[in-house]
């Protein structure tokens, strides 16, 4: 995520307590992309040093299971 200064607007209840936030669509999309990247990094960390499955093996299994055409 590129460096972005969020400019939130807050919705408050009658007591002045913040209950929701509004950000621009552009900021939301950047934040969403950042969170997806963070999730990918977390998945890589969870896998640790488990060996990767070669691409050719994945394709072979998908074809065998009928999920890819021959």
N, C-alpha and C. Protein backbone atom coordinates (compact mmCIF):
# COMPACT_ATOMS: atom_id res chain seq x y z
N UNK A 1 0.86 -1.18 0.00
CA UNK A 1 0.00 0.00 0.00
C UNK A 1 0.89 1.22 0.00
N UNK A 2 0.65 2.08 -0.96
CA UNK A 2 1.43 3.31 -0.96
C UNK A 2 1.05 4.15 0.25
N UNK A 3 1.97 5.00 0.64
CA UNK A 3 1.70 5.81 1.82
C UNK A 3 0.51 6.72 1.56
N UNK A 4 -0.49 6.57 2.38
CA UNK A 4 -1.72 7.35 2.23
C UNK A 4 -2.09 7.93 3.57
N UNK A 5 -2.41 9.17 3.55
CA UNK A 5 -2.94 9.79 4.76
C UNK A 5 -4.45 9.62 4.72
N UNK A 6 -4.95 8.78 5.60
CA UNK A 6 -6.39 8.58 5.66
C UNK A 6 -7.04 9.86 6.16
N UNK A 7 -8.15 10.18 5.56
CA UNK A 7 -8.91 11.36 5.98
C UNK A 7 -10.31 10.90 6.37
N UNK A 8 -10.41 10.25 7.53
CA UNK A 8 -11.71 9.72 7.92
C UNK A 8 -12.68 10.80 8.39
N UNK A 9 -13.93 10.52 8.15
CA UNK A 9 -15.01 11.32 8.73
C UNK A 9 -15.75 10.37 9.67
N UNK A 10 -16.08 10.84 10.82
CA UNK A 10 -16.71 9.98 11.82
C UNK A 10 -18.20 10.26 11.94
N UNK A 11 -18.93 9.19 12.13
CA UNK A 11 -20.35 9.30 12.45
C UNK A 11 -20.45 9.04 13.95
N UNK A 12 -21.17 9.90 14.63
CA UNK A 12 -21.29 9.77 16.09
C UNK A 12 -22.74 9.58 16.49
N UNK A 13 -22.92 8.98 17.66
CA UNK A 13 -24.27 8.84 18.18
C UNK A 13 -24.64 10.13 18.93
N UNK A 14 -25.78 10.14 19.55
CA UNK A 14 -26.25 11.35 20.22
C UNK A 14 -25.39 11.76 21.41
N UNK A 15 -24.57 10.80 21.91
CA UNK A 15 -23.66 11.12 23.01
C UNK A 15 -22.29 11.57 22.52
N UNK A 16 -22.13 11.63 21.20
CA UNK A 16 -20.85 12.03 20.65
C UNK A 16 -19.86 10.88 20.51
N UNK A 17 -20.29 9.66 20.80
CA UNK A 17 -19.42 8.49 20.67
C UNK A 17 -19.33 8.09 19.20
N UNK A 18 -18.09 7.87 18.73
CA UNK A 18 -17.89 7.46 17.35
C UNK A 18 -18.46 6.07 17.13
N UNK A 19 -19.29 5.93 16.10
CA UNK A 19 -19.92 4.65 15.83
C UNK A 19 -19.58 4.10 14.45
N UNK A 20 -19.07 4.94 13.56
CA UNK A 20 -18.73 4.50 12.21
C UNK A 20 -17.74 5.50 11.62
N UNK A 21 -17.14 5.08 10.52
CA UNK A 21 -16.17 5.94 9.85
C UNK A 21 -16.44 5.93 8.36
N UNK A 22 -16.18 7.04 7.72
CA UNK A 22 -16.31 7.16 6.28
C UNK A 22 -14.95 7.55 5.73
N UNK A 23 -14.48 6.78 4.72
CA UNK A 23 -13.26 7.15 4.01
C UNK A 23 -13.59 7.14 2.52
N UNK A 24 -12.74 7.76 1.73
CA UNK A 24 -13.00 7.81 0.29
C UNK A 24 -12.90 6.41 -0.31
N UNK A 25 -13.53 6.23 -1.45
CA UNK A 25 -13.48 4.95 -2.14
C UNK A 25 -12.05 4.59 -2.48
N UNK A 26 -11.26 5.55 -2.91
CA UNK A 26 -9.85 5.31 -3.24
C UNK A 26 -9.09 4.81 -2.01
N UNK A 27 -9.30 5.44 -0.87
CA UNK A 27 -8.63 5.01 0.35
C UNK A 27 -9.10 3.62 0.77
N UNK A 28 -10.38 3.35 0.61
CA UNK A 28 -10.92 2.04 0.95
C UNK A 28 -10.28 0.95 0.09
N UNK A 29 -10.19 1.20 -1.23
CA UNK A 29 -9.60 0.21 -2.13
C UNK A 29 -8.13 -0.03 -1.82
N UNK A 30 -7.40 1.02 -1.49
CA UNK A 30 -5.99 0.87 -1.11
C UNK A 30 -5.87 0.08 0.19
N UNK A 31 -6.72 0.36 1.13
CA UNK A 31 -6.71 -0.36 2.40
C UNK A 31 -7.06 -1.83 2.20
N UNK A 32 -8.04 -2.08 1.35
CA UNK A 32 -8.44 -3.45 1.06
C UNK A 32 -7.29 -4.22 0.39
N UNK A 33 -6.61 -3.60 -0.54
CA UNK A 33 -5.47 -4.24 -1.21
C UNK A 33 -4.35 -4.53 -0.19
N UNK A 34 -4.10 -3.57 0.69
CA UNK A 34 -3.09 -3.76 1.72
C UNK A 34 -3.43 -4.95 2.62
N UNK A 35 -4.69 -5.05 3.02
CA UNK A 35 -5.10 -6.16 3.89
C UNK A 35 -4.99 -7.51 3.18
N UNK A 36 -5.28 -7.54 1.88
CA UNK A 36 -5.13 -8.77 1.11
C UNK A 36 -3.65 -9.17 1.05
N UNK A 37 -2.77 -8.18 0.84
CA UNK A 37 -1.34 -8.45 0.81
C UNK A 37 -0.88 -8.97 2.18
N UNK A 38 -1.38 -8.37 3.23
CA UNK A 38 -1.03 -8.79 4.58
C UNK A 38 -1.49 -10.23 4.83
N UNK A 39 -2.65 -10.58 4.34
CA UNK A 39 -3.16 -11.94 4.48
C UNK A 39 -2.26 -12.92 3.72
N UNK A 40 -1.80 -12.52 2.53
CA UNK A 40 -0.88 -13.37 1.77
C UNK A 40 0.42 -13.60 2.55
N UNK A 41 0.95 -12.56 3.14
CA UNK A 41 2.18 -12.67 3.92
C UNK A 41 1.97 -13.59 5.12
N UNK A 42 0.82 -13.47 5.77
CA UNK A 42 0.52 -14.33 6.92
C UNK A 42 0.43 -15.79 6.48
N UNK A 43 -0.14 -16.05 5.32
CA UNK A 43 -0.24 -17.42 4.82
C UNK A 43 1.15 -17.99 4.52
N UNK A 44 2.01 -17.18 3.95
CA UNK A 44 3.38 -17.61 3.70
C UNK A 44 4.07 -17.96 5.01
N UNK A 45 3.88 -17.14 6.02
CA UNK A 45 4.49 -17.40 7.33
C UNK A 45 3.94 -18.68 7.94
N UNK A 46 2.63 -18.93 7.79
CA UNK A 46 2.03 -20.14 8.35
C UNK A 46 2.60 -21.40 7.68
N UNK A 47 2.89 -21.30 6.40
CA UNK A 47 3.40 -22.46 5.68
C UNK A 47 4.83 -22.78 6.07
N UNK A 48 5.53 -21.78 6.55
CA UNK A 48 6.90 -22.01 6.98
C UNK A 48 7.76 -22.54 5.86
N UNK A 49 8.47 -23.60 6.16
CA UNK A 49 9.41 -24.16 5.18
C UNK A 49 8.86 -25.40 4.50
N UNK A 50 7.55 -25.55 4.49
CA UNK A 50 6.97 -26.68 3.78
C UNK A 50 7.35 -26.56 2.30
N UNK A 51 7.68 -27.68 1.69
CA UNK A 51 8.07 -27.62 0.27
C UNK A 51 6.89 -27.21 -0.61
N UNK A 52 7.21 -26.46 -1.63
CA UNK A 52 6.19 -26.03 -2.59
C UNK A 52 5.89 -27.18 -3.55
N UNK A 53 4.68 -27.19 -4.07
CA UNK A 53 4.31 -28.18 -5.08
C UNK A 53 4.65 -27.59 -6.44
N UNK A 54 5.42 -28.29 -7.25
CA UNK A 54 5.76 -27.77 -8.57
C UNK A 54 4.52 -27.51 -9.42
N UNK A 55 4.58 -26.49 -10.23
CA UNK A 55 3.46 -26.09 -11.08
C UNK A 55 3.02 -27.25 -11.97
N UNK A 56 3.97 -27.97 -12.51
CA UNK A 56 3.64 -29.09 -13.40
C UNK A 56 2.82 -30.16 -12.68
N UNK A 57 3.11 -30.38 -11.40
CA UNK A 57 2.36 -31.37 -10.61
C UNK A 57 0.94 -30.88 -10.37
N UNK A 58 0.79 -29.60 -10.07
CA UNK A 58 -0.54 -29.03 -9.86
C UNK A 58 -1.37 -29.18 -11.13
N UNK A 59 -0.79 -28.83 -12.28
CA UNK A 59 -1.51 -28.96 -13.55
C UNK A 59 -1.91 -30.41 -13.81
N UNK A 60 -0.99 -31.32 -13.56
CA UNK A 60 -1.27 -32.75 -13.78
C UNK A 60 -2.43 -33.21 -12.91
N UNK A 61 -2.44 -32.80 -11.64
CA UNK A 61 -3.52 -33.19 -10.74
C UNK A 61 -4.85 -32.58 -11.15
N UNK A 62 -4.84 -31.34 -11.59
CA UNK A 62 -6.08 -30.69 -12.03
C UNK A 62 -6.63 -31.37 -13.28
N UNK A 63 -5.74 -31.75 -14.19
CA UNK A 63 -6.19 -32.46 -15.39
C UNK A 63 -6.74 -33.83 -15.02
N UNK A 64 -6.06 -34.53 -14.14
CA UNK A 64 -6.49 -35.86 -13.70
C UNK A 64 -7.87 -35.80 -13.04
N UNK A 65 -8.11 -34.73 -12.29
CA UNK A 65 -9.39 -34.58 -11.59
C UNK A 65 -10.48 -33.97 -12.47
N UNK A 66 -10.14 -33.72 -13.74
CA UNK A 66 -11.13 -33.18 -14.67
C UNK A 66 -11.41 -31.70 -14.50
N UNK A 67 -10.54 -30.99 -13.81
CA UNK A 67 -10.75 -29.56 -13.58
C UNK A 67 -10.07 -28.70 -14.63
N UNK A 68 -9.21 -29.32 -15.43
CA UNK A 68 -8.56 -28.65 -16.56
C UNK A 68 -8.66 -29.57 -17.77
N UNK A 69 -8.82 -28.97 -18.95
CA UNK A 69 -8.85 -29.82 -20.15
C UNK A 69 -7.46 -30.39 -20.43
N UNK A 70 -7.41 -31.54 -21.09
CA UNK A 70 -6.11 -32.15 -21.46
C UNK A 70 -5.38 -31.34 -22.48
